PDB file of N, CA and C in Angstrom:
ATOM      1  N   UNK A   1      19.145  17.194 -15.584  1.00  0.00           N
ATOM      2  CA  UNK A   1      17.769  17.785 -14.963  1.00  0.00           C
ATOM      3  C   UNK A   1      16.870  16.847 -14.478  1.00  0.00           C
ATOM      4  N   UNK A   2      16.682  15.848 -15.505  1.00  0.00           N
ATOM      5  CA  UNK A   2      15.679  15.012 -14.252  1.00  0.00           C
ATOM      6  C   UNK A   2      15.835  14.446 -13.445  1.00  0.00           C
ATOM      7  N   UNK A   3      16.964  13.835 -13.133  1.00  0.00           N
ATOM      8  CA  UNK A   3      18.024  13.067 -12.000  1.00  0.00           C
ATOM      9  C   UNK A   3      17.183  14.493 -10.541  1.00  0.00           C
ATOM     10  N   UNK A   4      17.539  15.471 -11.011  1.00  0.00           N
ATOM     11  CA  UNK A   4      17.592  16.554 -10.243  1.00  0.00           C
ATOM     12  C   UNK A   4      16.281  16.827  -9.886  1.00  0.00           C
ATOM     13  N   UNK A   5      14.760  16.492 -10.750  1.00  0.00           N
ATOM     14  CA  UNK A   5      13.535  16.581 -10.549  1.00  0.00           C
ATOM     15  C   UNK A   5      13.186  15.745  -9.591  1.00  0.00           C
ATOM     16  N   UNK A   6      13.756  14.251  -9.679  1.00  0.00           N
ATOM     17  CA  UNK A   6      13.324  13.644  -9.252  1.00  0.00           C
ATOM     18  C   UNK A   6      13.405  13.194  -8.038  1.00  0.00           C
ATOM     19  N   UNK A   7      14.805  13.431  -7.801  1.00  0.00           N
ATOM     20  CA  UNK A   7      15.263  13.557  -6.577  1.00  0.00           C
ATOM     21  C   UNK A   7      15.018  14.926  -5.430  1.00  0.00           C
ATOM     22  N   UNK A   8      14.735  15.971  -6.508  1.00  0.00           N
ATOM     23  CA  UNK A   8      13.824  17.120  -5.559  1.00  0.00           C
ATOM     24  C   UNK A   8      12.011  16.394  -5.058  1.00  0.00           C
ATOM     25  N   UNK A   9      11.731  15.366  -6.009  1.00  0.00           N
ATOM     26  CA  UNK A   9      10.383  15.226  -5.611  1.00  0.00           C
ATOM     27  C   UNK A   9      10.137  13.853  -4.746  1.00  0.00           C
ATOM     28  N   UNK A  10      11.496  13.471  -4.575  1.00  0.00           N
ATOM     29  CA  UNK A  10      11.646  12.115  -3.484  1.00  0.00           C
ATOM     30  C   UNK A  10      11.530  12.522  -2.314  1.00  0.00           C
ATOM     31  N   UNK A  11      12.613  14.010  -2.210  1.00  0.00           N
ATOM     32  CA  UNK A  11      13.025  14.824  -0.773  1.00  0.00           C
ATOM     33  C   UNK A  11      11.368  15.284  -0.632  1.00  0.00           C
ATOM     34  N   UNK A  12      10.927  15.559  -1.334  1.00  0.00           N
ATOM     35  CA  UNK A  12       9.298  16.409  -0.894  1.00  0.00           C
ATOM     36  C   UNK A  12       8.552  15.033  -0.175  1.00  0.00           C
ATOM     37  N   UNK A  13       8.545  14.213  -0.909  1.00  0.00           N
ATOM     38  CA  UNK A  13       7.549  12.582  -0.758  1.00  0.00           C
ATOM     39  C   UNK A  13       7.849  12.907   1.091  1.00  0.00           C
ATOM     40  N   UNK A  14       9.378  12.468   1.015  1.00  0.00           N
ATOM     41  CA  UNK A  14      10.267  11.811   2.379  1.00  0.00           C
ATOM     42  C   UNK A  14       9.336  12.976   3.481  1.00  0.00           C
ATOM     43  N   UNK A  15       9.770  14.231   3.069  1.00  0.00           N
ATOM     44  CA  UNK A  15       9.440  15.376   4.211  1.00  0.00           C
ATOM     45  C   UNK A  15       7.391  14.866   4.375  1.00  0.00           C
ATOM     46  N   UNK A  16       6.935  14.863   3.414  1.00  0.00           N
ATOM     47  CA  UNK A  16       5.309  14.632   3.432  1.00  0.00           C
ATOM     48  C   UNK A  16       5.343  13.266   4.954  1.00  0.00           C
ATOM     49  N   UNK A  17       5.820  12.384   4.785  1.00  0.00           N
ATOM     50  CA  UNK A  17       5.847  11.196   5.256  1.00  0.00           C
ATOM     51  C   UNK A  17       6.468  11.006   6.620  1.00  0.00           C
ATOM     52  N   UNK A  18       7.431  12.030   6.727  1.00  0.00           N
ATOM     53  CA  UNK A  18       8.061  11.695   7.887  1.00  0.00           C
ATOM     54  C   UNK A  18       7.599  11.943   8.988  1.00  0.00           C
ATOM     55  N   UNK A  19       6.278  12.582   9.281  1.00  0.00           N
ATOM     56  CA  UNK A  19       5.839  12.593  10.409  1.00  0.00           C
ATOM     57  C   UNK A  19       5.268  11.258  10.841  1.00  0.00           C
ATOM     58  N   UNK A  20       4.895  10.300   9.711  1.00  0.00           N
ATOM     59  CA  UNK A  20       4.076   8.985  10.297  1.00  0.00           C
ATOM     60  C   UNK A  20       5.330   8.150  10.160  1.00  0.00           C
ATOM     61  N   UNK A  21       6.436   7.966   9.462  1.00  0.00           N
ATOM     62  CA  UNK A  21       7.429   7.113   9.688  1.00  0.00           C
ATOM     63  C   UNK A  21       8.966   7.420  10.914  1.00  0.00           C
ATOM     64  N   UNK A  22       8.973   8.518  10.625  1.00  0.00           N
ATOM     65  CA  UNK A  22      10.101   9.051  11.745  1.00  0.00           C
ATOM     66  C   UNK A  22       9.612   9.200  13.115  1.00  0.00           C
ATOM     67  N   UNK A  23       8.016   9.585  13.305  1.00  0.00           N
ATOM     68  CA  UNK A  23       8.156   9.818  14.600  1.00  0.00           C
ATOM     69  C   UNK A  23       7.992   8.101  15.513  1.00  0.00           C
ATOM     70  N   UNK A  24       7.967   7.117  14.630  1.00  0.00           N
ATOM     71  CA  UNK A  24       8.194   5.826  15.245  1.00  0.00           C
ATOM     72  C   UNK A  24       9.589   5.141  15.219  1.00  0.00           C
ATOM     73  N   UNK A  25      10.312   4.709  16.164  1.00  0.00           N
ATOM     74  CA  UNK A  25      11.616   4.078  15.863  1.00  0.00           C
ATOM     75  C   UNK A  25      11.643   2.900  14.788  1.00  0.00           C
ATOM     76  N   UNK A  26      10.745   2.330  14.731  1.00  0.00           N
ATOM     77  CA  UNK A  26      10.570   1.187  13.707  1.00  0.00           C
ATOM     78  C   UNK A  26      10.747   0.926  12.226  1.00  0.00           C
ATOM     79  N   UNK A  27      10.778   2.309  11.801  1.00  0.00           N
ATOM     80  CA  UNK A  27      11.674   2.576  10.255  1.00  0.00           C
ATOM     81  C   UNK A  27      12.418   2.395  10.425  1.00  0.00           C
ATOM     82  N   UNK A  28      12.830   1.677   9.377  1.00  0.00           N
ATOM     83  CA  UNK A  28      14.402   0.604   8.696  1.00  0.00           C
ATOM     84  C   UNK A  28      14.282   0.375   7.491  1.00  0.00           C
ATOM     85  N   UNK A  29      15.510   0.248   7.098  1.00  0.00           N
ATOM     86  CA  UNK A  29      16.046  -0.228   5.602  1.00  0.00           C
ATOM     87  C   UNK A  29      15.132  -1.378   5.196  1.00  0.00           C
ATOM     88  N   UNK A  30      14.744  -2.376   5.865  1.00  0.00           N
ATOM     89  CA  UNK A  30      13.740  -3.541   5.406  1.00  0.00           C
ATOM     90  C   UNK A  30      12.405  -3.079   4.851  1.00  0.00           C
ATOM     91  N   UNK A  31      11.830  -1.767   5.406  1.00  0.00           N
ATOM     92  CA  UNK A  31      10.576  -1.393   5.154  1.00  0.00           C
ATOM     93  C   UNK A  31      10.316  -1.240   3.658  1.00  0.00           C
ATOM     94  N   UNK A  32       9.135  -0.840   3.294  1.00  0.00           N
ATOM     95  CA  UNK A  32       9.282  -0.912   1.579  1.00  0.00           C
ATOM     96  C   UNK A  32       8.021   0.286   1.324  1.00  0.00           C
ATOM     97  N   UNK A  33       7.871   0.885  -0.218  1.00  0.00           N
ATOM     98  CA  UNK A  33       6.685   1.551  -0.504  1.00  0.00           C
ATOM     99  C   UNK A  33       6.567   1.190  -1.550  1.00  0.00           C
ATOM    100  N   UNK A  34       5.346   1.523  -1.885  1.00  0.00           N
ATOM    101  CA  UNK A  34       4.982   1.010  -3.174  1.00  0.00           C
ATOM    102  C   UNK A  34       4.109   2.171  -3.610  1.00  0.00           C
ATOM    103  N   UNK A  35       3.702   2.447  -5.210  1.00  0.00           N
ATOM    104  CA  UNK A  35       2.954   3.580  -5.515  1.00  0.00           C
ATOM    105  C   UNK A  35       2.403   2.795  -6.526  1.00  0.00           C
ATOM    106  N   UNK A  36       0.963   2.786  -6.450  1.00  0.00           N
ATOM    107  CA  UNK A  36      -0.118   2.503  -7.832  1.00  0.00           C
ATOM    108  C   UNK A  36      -0.704   4.055  -8.404  1.00  0.00           C
ATOM    109  N   UNK A  37      -1.484   3.584  -9.226  1.00  0.00           N
ATOM    110  CA  UNK A  37      -1.939   4.761 -10.028  1.00  0.00           C
ATOM    111  C   UNK A  37      -2.219   5.838  -9.031  1.00  0.00           C
ATOM    112  N   UNK A  38      -2.977   6.093  -8.203  1.00  0.00           N
ATOM    113  CA  UNK A  38      -3.142   7.054  -7.184  1.00  0.00           C
ATOM    114  C   UNK A  38      -3.461   6.766  -6.029  1.00  0.00           C
ATOM    115  N   UNK A  39      -2.700   5.415  -5.494  1.00  0.00           N
ATOM    116  CA  UNK A  39      -2.667   5.196  -4.189  1.00  0.00           C
ATOM    117  C   UNK A  39      -0.791   4.546  -4.025  1.00  0.00           C
ATOM    118  N   UNK A  40      -0.724   4.935  -2.395  1.00  0.00           N
ATOM    119  CA  UNK A  40       0.353   4.408  -2.402  1.00  0.00           C
ATOM    120  C   UNK A  40       0.680   3.439  -1.059  1.00  0.00           C
ATOM    121  N   UNK A  41       0.996   2.333  -1.086  1.00  0.00           N
ATOM    122  CA  UNK A  41       1.368   1.586   0.050  1.00  0.00           C
ATOM    123  C   UNK A  41       2.914   1.368   0.926  1.00  0.00           C
ATOM    124  N   UNK A  42       2.649   1.041   2.231  1.00  0.00           N
ATOM    125  CA  UNK A  42       3.876   1.080   2.751  1.00  0.00           C
ATOM    126  C   UNK A  42       3.747  -0.094   3.931  1.00  0.00           C
ATOM    127  N   UNK A  43       4.837  -0.820   3.643  1.00  0.00           N
ATOM    128  CA  UNK A  43       5.240  -1.548   4.590  1.00  0.00           C
ATOM    129  C   UNK A  43       6.374  -1.408   5.968  1.00  0.00           C
ATOM    130  N   UNK A  44       5.558  -1.413   7.321  1.00  0.00           N
ATOM    131  CA  UNK A  44       6.794  -0.792   7.910  1.00  0.00           C
ATOM    132  C   UNK A  44       7.347  -2.205   8.446  1.00  0.00           C
ATOM    133  N   UNK A  45       8.652  -2.009   9.188  1.00  0.00           N
ATOM    134  CA  UNK A  45       9.225  -2.571   9.880  1.00  0.00           C
ATOM    135  C   UNK A  45       8.709  -3.700  10.663  1.00  0.00           C
ATOM    136  N   UNK A  46       7.500  -3.099  11.370  1.00  0.00           N
ATOM    137  CA  UNK A  46       7.113  -4.026  12.147  1.00  0.00           C
ATOM    138  C   UNK A  46       6.316  -5.007  11.661  1.00  0.00           C
ATOM    139  N   UNK A  47       6.161  -4.816  10.168  1.00  0.00           N
ATOM    140  CA  UNK A  47       5.212  -5.877   9.680  1.00  0.00           C
ATOM    141  C   UNK A  47       4.028  -5.430   9.349  1.00  0.00           C
ATOM    142  N   UNK A  48       3.245  -4.201   9.962  1.00  0.00           N
ATOM    143  CA  UNK A  48       2.185  -3.525   9.606  1.00  0.00           C
ATOM    144  C   UNK A  48       2.121  -2.862   8.343  1.00  0.00           C
ATOM    145  N   UNK A  49       1.032  -2.769   7.635  1.00  0.00           N
ATOM    146  CA  UNK A  49       0.773  -2.429   6.065  1.00  0.00           C
ATOM    147  C   UNK A  49      -0.136  -1.208   6.377  1.00  0.00           C
ATOM    148  N   UNK A  50      -0.092  -0.119   5.620  1.00  0.00           N
ATOM    149  CA  UNK A  50      -0.250   1.069   5.471  1.00  0.00           C
ATOM    150  C   UNK A  50      -0.697   1.865   4.498  1.00  0.00           C
ATOM    151  N   UNK A  51      -1.932   2.238   3.692  1.00  0.00           N
ATOM    152  CA  UNK A  51      -2.133   2.873   2.839  1.00  0.00           C
ATOM    153  C   UNK A  51      -2.657   4.293   2.554  1.00  0.00           C
ATOM    154  N   UNK A  52      -2.437   4.945   1.684  1.00  0.00           N
ATOM    155  CA  UNK A  52      -3.223   6.517   1.249  1.00  0.00           C
ATOM    156  C   UNK A  52      -3.209   6.602   0.066  1.00  0.00           C
ATOM    157  N   UNK A  53      -4.466   7.742   0.177  1.00  0.00           N
ATOM    158  CA  UNK A  53      -4.550   7.957  -2.003  1.00  0.00           C
ATOM    159  C   UNK A  53      -5.879   7.512  -2.345  1.00  0.00           C
ATOM    160  N   UNK A  54      -6.249   7.413  -3.546  1.00  0.00           N
ATOM    161  CA  UNK A  54      -7.306   7.050  -4.100  1.00  0.00           C
ATOM    162  C   UNK A  54      -7.640   5.511  -3.603  1.00  0.00           C
ATOM    163  N   UNK A  55      -9.069   5.397  -3.839  1.00  0.00           N
ATOM    164  CA  UNK A  55      -9.822   4.294  -2.934  1.00  0.00           C
ATOM    165  C   UNK A  55     -11.191   3.937  -3.730  1.00  0.00           C
ATOM    166  N   UNK A  56     -11.095   4.812  -4.910  1.00  0.00           N
ATOM    167  CA  UNK A  56     -12.440   4.157  -5.357  1.00  0.00           C
ATOM    168  C   UNK A  56     -12.675   2.640  -5.988  1.00  0.00           C
ATOM    169  N   UNK A  57     -11.982   1.876  -5.793  1.00  0.00           N
ATOM    170  CA  UNK A  57     -12.024   0.399  -6.029  1.00  0.00           C
ATOM    171  C   UNK A  57     -11.661  -0.575  -4.760  1.00  0.00           C
ATOM    172  N   UNK A  58     -11.004   0.307  -3.290  1.00  0.00           N
ATOM    173  CA  UNK A  58     -11.007  -0.081  -2.628  1.00  0.00           C
ATOM    174  C   UNK A  58      -9.298  -0.944  -2.702  1.00  0.00           C
ATOM    175  N   UNK A  59      -8.464   0.047  -3.315  1.00  0.00           N
ATOM    176  CA  UNK A  59      -7.182  -0.395  -3.604  1.00  0.00           C
ATOM    177  C   UNK A  59      -6.484  -0.008  -1.919  1.00  0.00           C
ATOM    178  N   UNK A  60      -6.846   0.564  -0.932  1.00  0.00           N
ATOM    179  CA  UNK A  60      -6.047   0.825   0.206  1.00  0.00           C
ATOM    180  C   UNK A  60      -6.250  -0.413   0.963  1.00  0.00           C
ATOM    181  N   UNK A  61      -7.388  -1.082   0.802  1.00  0.00           N
ATOM    182  CA  UNK A  61      -7.668  -2.608   1.788  1.00  0.00           C
ATOM    183  C   UNK A  61      -8.052  -2.013   2.929  1.00  0.00           C
ATOM    184  N   UNK A  62      -8.201  -1.194   3.173  1.00  0.00           N
ATOM    185  CA  UNK A  62      -9.199  -0.665   4.685  1.00  0.00           C
ATOM    186  C   UNK A  62     -10.892  -1.155   4.998  1.00  0.00           C
ATOM    187  N   UNK A  63     -11.378  -1.806   3.749  1.00  0.00           N
ATOM    188  CA  UNK A  63     -12.701  -2.230   4.046  1.00  0.00           C
ATOM    189  C   UNK A  63     -13.935  -1.054   3.602  1.00  0.00           C
ATOM    190  N   UNK A  64     -13.106   0.269   3.189  1.00  0.00           N
ATOM    191  CA  UNK A  64     -13.970   1.035   2.608  1.00  0.00           C
ATOM    192  C   UNK A  64     -13.904   1.712   0.901  1.00  0.00           C
ATOM    193  N   UNK A  65     -14.168   2.465   0.827  1.00  0.00           N
ATOM    194  CA  UNK A  65     -14.316   3.215  -0.903  1.00  0.00           C
ATOM    195  C   UNK A  65     -13.516   4.924  -0.469  1.00  0.00           C
ATOM    196  N   UNK A  66     -13.544   4.945   1.033  1.00  0.00           N
ATOM    197  CA  UNK A  66     -13.117   6.310   0.956  1.00  0.00           C
ATOM    198  C   UNK A  66     -11.951   6.881   0.839  1.00  0.00           C
ATOM    199  N   UNK A  67     -11.609   7.989  -0.230  1.00  0.00           N
ATOM    200  CA  UNK A  67     -10.316   8.500  -0.187  1.00  0.00           C
ATOM    201  C   UNK A  67      -9.268   8.494   0.931  1.00  0.00           C
ATOM    202  N   UNK A  68      -8.275   8.554   1.407  1.00  0.00           N
ATOM    203  CA  UNK A  68      -7.152   9.029   2.218  1.00  0.00           C
ATOM    204  C   UNK A  68      -6.215   9.635   2.109  1.00  0.00           C
ATOM    205  N   UNK A  69      -5.876  10.911   2.650  1.00  0.00           N
ATOM    206  CA  UNK A  69      -5.090  11.826   2.429  1.00  0.00           C
ATOM    207  C   UNK A  69      -4.234  11.395   3.623  1.00  0.00           C
ATOM    208  N   UNK A  70      -4.155  10.281   4.750  1.00  0.00           N
ATOM    209  CA  UNK A  70      -3.287  10.143   5.477  1.00  0.00           C
ATOM    210  C   UNK A  70      -3.110   8.953   5.564  1.00  0.00           C
ATOM    211  N   UNK A  71      -2.485   8.258   6.179  1.00  0.00           N
ATOM    212  CA  UNK A  71      -1.827   6.629   6.042  1.00  0.00           C
ATOM    213  C   UNK A  71      -3.145   5.768   7.210  1.00  0.00           C
ATOM    214  N   UNK A  72      -3.665   4.432   6.466  1.00  0.00           N
ATOM    215  CA  UNK A  72      -4.354   3.956   7.000  1.00  0.00           C
ATOM    216  C   UNK A  72      -4.237   2.490   6.910  1.00  0.00           C
ATOM    217  N   UNK A  73      -4.417   1.705   8.194  1.00  0.00           N
ATOM    218  CA  UNK A  73      -3.540   0.338   8.270  1.00  0.00           C
ATOM    219  C   UNK A  73      -4.548  -0.522   7.468  1.00  0.00           C
ATOM    220  N   UNK A  74      -4.072  -1.395   7.010  1.00  0.00           N
ATOM    221  CA  UNK A  74      -4.685  -2.377   5.742  1.00  0.00           C
ATOM    222  C   UNK A  74      -5.326  -3.312   6.778  1.00  0.00           C
ATOM    223  N   UNK A  75      -6.361  -3.673   6.616  1.00  0.00           N
ATOM    224  CA  UNK A  75      -7.561  -4.752   7.762  1.00  0.00           C
ATOM    225  C   UNK A  75      -6.794  -5.849   7.314  1.00  0.00           C
ATOM    226  N   UNK A  76      -7.251  -6.804   8.149  1.00  0.00           N
ATOM    227  CA  UNK A  76      -6.744  -8.282   8.538  1.00  0.00           C
ATOM    228  C   UNK A  76      -5.327  -8.658   8.919  1.00  0.00           C
ATOM    229  N   UNK A  77      -4.362  -7.696   8.325  1.00  0.00           N
ATOM    230  CA  UNK A  77      -2.934  -8.378   8.403  1.00  0.00           C
ATOM    231  C   UNK A  77      -2.112  -8.656   9.190  1.00  0.00           C
ATOM    232  N   UNK A  78      -2.306  -7.780  10.410  1.00  0.00           N
ATOM    233  CA  UNK A  78      -2.126  -7.681  11.680  1.00  0.00           C
ATOM    234  C   UNK A  78      -0.179  -7.192  11.361  1.00  0.00           C
ATOM    235  N   UNK A  79       0.617  -8.320  12.053  1.00  0.00           N
ATOM    236  CA  UNK A  79       2.146  -7.579  11.803  1.00  0.00           C
ATOM    237  C   UNK A  79       2.691  -8.379  10.566  1.00  0.00           C
ATOM    238  N   UNK A  80       1.780  -9.581  10.035  1.00  0.00           N
ATOM    239  CA  UNK A  80       2.434 -10.447   8.989  1.00  0.00           C
ATOM    240  C   UNK A  80       3.044 -10.338   7.653  1.00  0.00           C
ATOM    241  N   UNK A  81       2.802  -8.968   7.522  1.00  0.00           N
ATOM    242  CA  UNK A  81       3.153  -8.882   5.984  1.00  0.00           C
ATOM    243  C   UNK A  81       4.636  -8.734   5.425  1.00  0.00           C
ATOM    244  N   UNK A  82       5.014  -8.999   4.875  1.00  0.00           N
ATOM    245  CA  UNK A  82       6.084  -8.972   4.080  1.00  0.00           C
ATOM    246  C   UNK A  82       6.912  -8.528   2.900  1.00  0.00           C
ATOM    247  N   UNK A  83       5.863  -8.317   2.153  1.00  0.00           N
ATOM    248  CA  UNK A  83       6.450  -7.746   1.104  1.00  0.00           C
ATOM    249  C   UNK A  83       5.508  -7.533   0.220  1.00  0.00           C
ATOM    250  N   UNK A  84       5.376  -6.000  -0.636  1.00  0.00           N
ATOM    251  CA  UNK A  84       3.844  -5.356  -1.191  1.00  0.00           C
ATOM    252  C   UNK A  84       4.224  -5.130  -2.428  1.00  0.00           C
ATOM    253  N   UNK A  85       2.942  -5.005  -3.371  1.00  0.00           N
ATOM    254  CA  UNK A  85       3.401  -4.489  -5.222  1.00  0.00           C
ATOM    255  C   UNK A  85       1.965  -3.739  -5.181  1.00  0.00           C
ATOM    256  N   UNK A  86       2.180  -2.770  -6.136  1.00  0.00           N
ATOM    257  CA  UNK A  86       0.878  -1.944  -5.942  1.00  0.00           C
ATOM    258  C   UNK A  86       0.620  -1.825  -7.695  1.00  0.00           C
ATOM    259  N   UNK A  87      -0.662  -2.129  -7.981  1.00  0.00           N
ATOM    260  CA  UNK A  87      -0.915  -1.983  -9.573  1.00  0.00           C
ATOM    261  C   UNK A  87      -1.346  -0.111  -9.498  1.00  0.00           C
ATOM    262  N   UNK A  88      -1.935   0.031 -10.948  1.00  0.00           N
ATOM    263  CA  UNK A  88      -3.049   1.018 -10.872  1.00  0.00           C
ATOM    264  C   UNK A  88      -3.964   1.311 -10.011  1.00  0.00           C
ATOM    265  N   UNK A  89      -4.607   0.492  -9.635  1.00  0.00           N
ATOM    266  CA  UNK A  89      -6.014   0.606  -9.057  1.00  0.00           C
ATOM    267  C   UNK A  89      -6.039  -1.007  -7.947  1.00  0.00           C
ATOM    268  N   UNK A  90      -5.146  -1.599  -7.971  1.00  0.00           N
ATOM    269  CA  UNK A  90      -5.102  -2.555  -7.013  1.00  0.00           C
ATOM    270  C   UNK A  90      -3.707  -2.894  -6.085  1.00  0.00           C
ATOM    271  N   UNK A  91      -3.750  -3.966  -5.322  1.00  0.00           N
ATOM    272  CA  UNK A  91      -2.432  -4.145  -4.303  1.00  0.00           C
ATOM    273  C   UNK A  91      -2.245  -5.478  -4.512  1.00  0.00           C
ATOM    274  N   UNK A  92      -1.085  -5.806  -3.892  1.00  0.00           N
ATOM    275  CA  UNK A  92      -1.005  -7.702  -3.624  1.00  0.00           C
ATOM    276  C   UNK A  92       0.100  -7.409  -2.966  1.00  0.00           C
ATOM    277  N   UNK A  93      -0.185  -8.292  -1.586  1.00  0.00           N
ATOM    278  CA  UNK A  93       0.713  -8.441  -0.790  1.00  0.00           C
ATOM    279  C   UNK A  93       1.127  -9.734  -0.431  1.00  0.00           C
ATOM    280  N   UNK A  94       2.360 -10.029   0.430  1.00  0.00           N
ATOM    281  CA  UNK A  94       2.817 -11.330   0.879  1.00  0.00           C
ATOM    282  C   UNK A  94       3.118 -11.415   2.358  1.00  0.00           C
ATOM    283  N   UNK A  95       1.939 -12.484   2.889  1.00  0.00           N
ATOM    284  CA  UNK A  95       2.531 -12.520   4.698  1.00  0.00           C
ATOM    285  C   UNK A  95       3.745 -13.796   5.005  1.00  0.00           C
ATOM    286  N   UNK A  96       3.938 -13.467   5.783  1.00  0.00           N
ATOM    287  CA  UNK A  96       5.126 -14.147   6.394  1.00  0.00           C
ATOM    288  C   UNK A  96       4.805 -15.834   6.057  1.00  0.00           C
ATOM    289  N   UNK A  97       3.689 -16.414   6.256  1.00  0.00           N
ATOM    290  CA  UNK A  97       3.296 -17.386   5.936  1.00  0.00           C
ATOM    291  C   UNK A  97       3.143 -17.996   4.538  1.00  0.00           C
ATOM    292  N   UNK A  98       3.736 -17.044   3.831  1.00  0.00           N
ATOM    293  CA  UNK A  98       3.524 -17.482   2.038  1.00  0.00           C
ATOM    294  C   UNK A  98       2.525 -17.189   1.637  1.00  0.00           C
ATOM    295  N   UNK A  99       1.344 -17.286   2.002  1.00  0.00           N
ATOM    296  CA  UNK A  99       0.171 -16.530   1.439  1.00  0.00           C
ATOM    297  C   UNK A  99       0.507 -14.976   0.983  1.00  0.00           C
ATOM    298  N   UNK A 100      -0.176 -15.581  -0.317  1.00  0.00           N
ATOM    299  CA  UNK A 100      -0.717 -13.987  -1.392  1.00  0.00           C
ATOM    300  C   UNK A 100      -2.015 -13.498  -1.079  1.00  0.00           C
ATOM    301  N   UNK A 101      -2.348 -12.115  -0.858  1.00  0.00           N
ATOM    302  CA  UNK A 101      -3.741 -11.382  -0.446  1.00  0.00           C
ATOM    303  C   UNK A 101      -3.387 -10.284  -1.895  1.00  0.00           C
ATOM    304  N   UNK A 102      -4.581 -10.096  -2.270  1.00  0.00           N
ATOM    305  CA  UNK A 102      -4.709  -9.267  -3.213  1.00  0.00           C
ATOM    306  C   UNK A 102      -6.315  -7.903  -2.753  1.00  0.00           C
ATOM    307  N   UNK A 103      -6.406  -6.698  -3.400  1.00  0.00           N
ATOM    308  CA  UNK A 103      -7.498  -6.180  -2.977  1.00  0.00           C
ATOM    309  C   UNK A 103      -7.281  -5.245  -3.861  1.00  0.00           C
ATOM    310  N   UNK A 104      -8.637  -4.212  -4.035  1.00  0.00           N
ATOM    311  CA  UNK A 104      -8.821  -3.449  -5.184  1.00  0.00           C
ATOM    312  C   UNK A 104      -9.441  -3.812  -6.428  1.00  0.00           C
ATOM    313  N   UNK A 105      -9.139  -3.221  -7.362  1.00  0.00           N
ATOM    314  CA  UNK A 105     -10.057  -3.164  -8.828  1.00  0.00           C
ATOM    315  C   UNK A 105      -9.709  -4.579  -9.410  1.00  0.00           C
ATOM    316  N   UNK A 106     -10.695  -5.438  -9.806  1.00  0.00           N
ATOM    317  CA  UNK A 106     -10.710  -6.697 -10.191  1.00  0.00           C
ATOM    318  C   UNK A 106     -11.513  -6.858 -11.515  1.00  0.00           C
ATOM    319  N   UNK A 107     -11.731  -5.972 -12.495  1.00  0.00           N
ATOM    320  CA  UNK A 107     -12.578  -6.301 -13.502  1.00  0.00           C
ATOM    321  C   UNK A 107     -12.257  -6.993 -14.596  1.00  0.00           C
ATOM    322  N   UNK A 108     -10.669  -7.056 -14.663  1.00  0.00           N
ATOM    323  CA  UNK A 108     -10.283  -8.632 -15.992  1.00  0.00           C
ATOM    324  C   UNK A 108      -9.679  -9.629 -14.274  1.00  0.00           C
ATOM    325  N   UNK A 109     -10.217  -9.847 -13.597  1.00  0.00           N
ATOM    326  CA  UNK A 109      -9.491 -11.020 -12.736  1.00  0.00           C
ATOM    327  C   UNK A 109      -8.378 -10.625 -12.106  1.00  0.00           C
ATOM    328  N   UNK A 110      -7.453  -9.018 -12.129  1.00  0.00           N
ATOM    329  CA  UNK A 110      -6.202  -9.469 -11.600  1.00  0.00           C
ATOM    330  C   UNK A 110      -6.064  -9.734  -9.938  1.00  0.00           C
ATOM    331  N   UNK A 111      -6.959  -9.647  -9.282  1.00  0.00           N
ATOM    332  CA  UNK A 111      -6.741  -9.905  -7.956  1.00  0.00           C
ATOM    333  C   UNK A 111      -6.472 -11.704  -7.928  1.00  0.00           C
ATOM    334  N   UNK A 112      -7.044 -12.514  -8.633  1.00  0.00           N
ATOM    335  CA  UNK A 112      -6.613 -13.702  -8.653  1.00  0.00           C
ATOM    336  C   UNK A 112      -7.850 -14.824  -7.931  1.00  0.00           C
ATOM    337  N   UNK A 113      -8.726 -14.211  -7.286  1.00  0.00           N
ATOM    338  CA  UNK A 113      -9.445 -14.993  -6.485  1.00  0.00           C
ATOM    339  C   UNK A 113     -10.775 -15.501  -7.658  1.00  0.00           C
ATOM    340  N   UNK A 114     -10.865 -15.642  -8.912  1.00  0.00           N
ATOM    341  CA  UNK A 114     -11.709 -16.396  -9.077  1.00  0.00           C
ATOM    342  C   UNK A 114     -12.756 -15.673  -9.837  1.00  0.00           C
ATOM    343  N   UNK A 115     -13.064 -14.303  -9.572  1.00  0.00           N
ATOM    344  CA  UNK A 115     -14.272 -13.540  -9.865  1.00  0.00           C
ATOM    345  C   UNK A 115     -13.567 -12.128  -9.745  1.00  0.00           C
ATOM    346  N   UNK A 116     -14.617 -11.509 -11.028  1.00  0.00           N
ATOM    347  CA  UNK A 116     -14.418 -10.100 -11.116  1.00  0.00           C
ATOM    348  C   UNK A 116     -14.903  -9.250 -10.471  1.00  0.00           C
ATOM    349  N   UNK A 117     -14.959  -9.195  -9.222  1.00  0.00           N
ATOM    350  CA  UNK A 117     -15.544  -8.631  -7.909  1.00  0.00           C
ATOM    351  C   UNK A 117     -14.446  -7.869  -7.353  1.00  0.00           C
ATOM    352  N   UNK A 118     -14.772  -6.448  -7.279  1.00  0.00           N
ATOM    353  CA  UNK A 118     -13.437  -5.344  -6.584  1.00  0.00           C
ATOM    354  C   UNK A 118     -13.658  -5.534  -5.419  1.00  0.00           C
ATOM    355  N   UNK A 119     -12.660  -5.635  -4.433  1.00  0.00           N
ATOM    356  CA  UNK A 119     -12.552  -6.391  -2.976  1.00  0.00           C
ATOM    357  C   UNK A 119     -11.949  -4.341  -2.173  1.00  0.00           C
ATOM    358  N   UNK A 120     -12.527  -4.546  -1.199  1.00  0.00           N
ATOM    359  CA  UNK A 120     -12.202  -3.602  -0.115  1.00  0.00           C
ATOM    360  C   UNK A 120     -11.405  -3.889   0.481  1.00  0.00           C
ATOM    361  N   UNK A 121     -10.898  -5.112   0.507  1.00  0.00           N
ATOM    362  CA  UNK A 121     -10.297  -5.612   1.896  1.00  0.00           C
ATOM    363  C   UNK A 121      -9.065  -6.887   1.584  1.00  0.00           C
ATOM    364  N   UNK A 122      -8.503  -7.278   1.964  1.00  0.00           N
ATOM    365  CA  UNK A 122      -7.144  -8.287   1.375  1.00  0.00           C
ATOM    366  C   UNK A 122      -8.283  -9.483   1.295  1.00  0.00           C
ATOM    367  N   UNK A 123      -8.163 -10.600   0.201  1.00  0.00           N
ATOM    368  CA  UNK A 123      -8.729 -11.519  -0.240  1.00  0.00           C
ATOM    369  C   UNK A 123      -7.788 -12.843  -0.487  1.00  0.00           C
TER     370      UNK A 123
END
């Protein structure tokens, strides 16, 4: 029964995201989606990074702390993102040049930038 619930939930999520991804022909198998505690991040096949959901610590990476009910593009990355992961309230992503970027909650230094400062955009 659990797998059926998971499948139905996944289909529901895909139907919600359909207008965002399927409206553009760049949605492809190499795209990625990562879910955090209350936010979601999507890497499109064109290398752009999008996020939505809760944003109290800047985990969406759009330079604000505004919660978003629709995808917004992550600041400063252009089309060079290649991989993503989401923590409970932070996000990390890898660019094509091999650099690792992080943003969001940082009270325990989880962003790896040598501080305990929350970041609303990739650092």
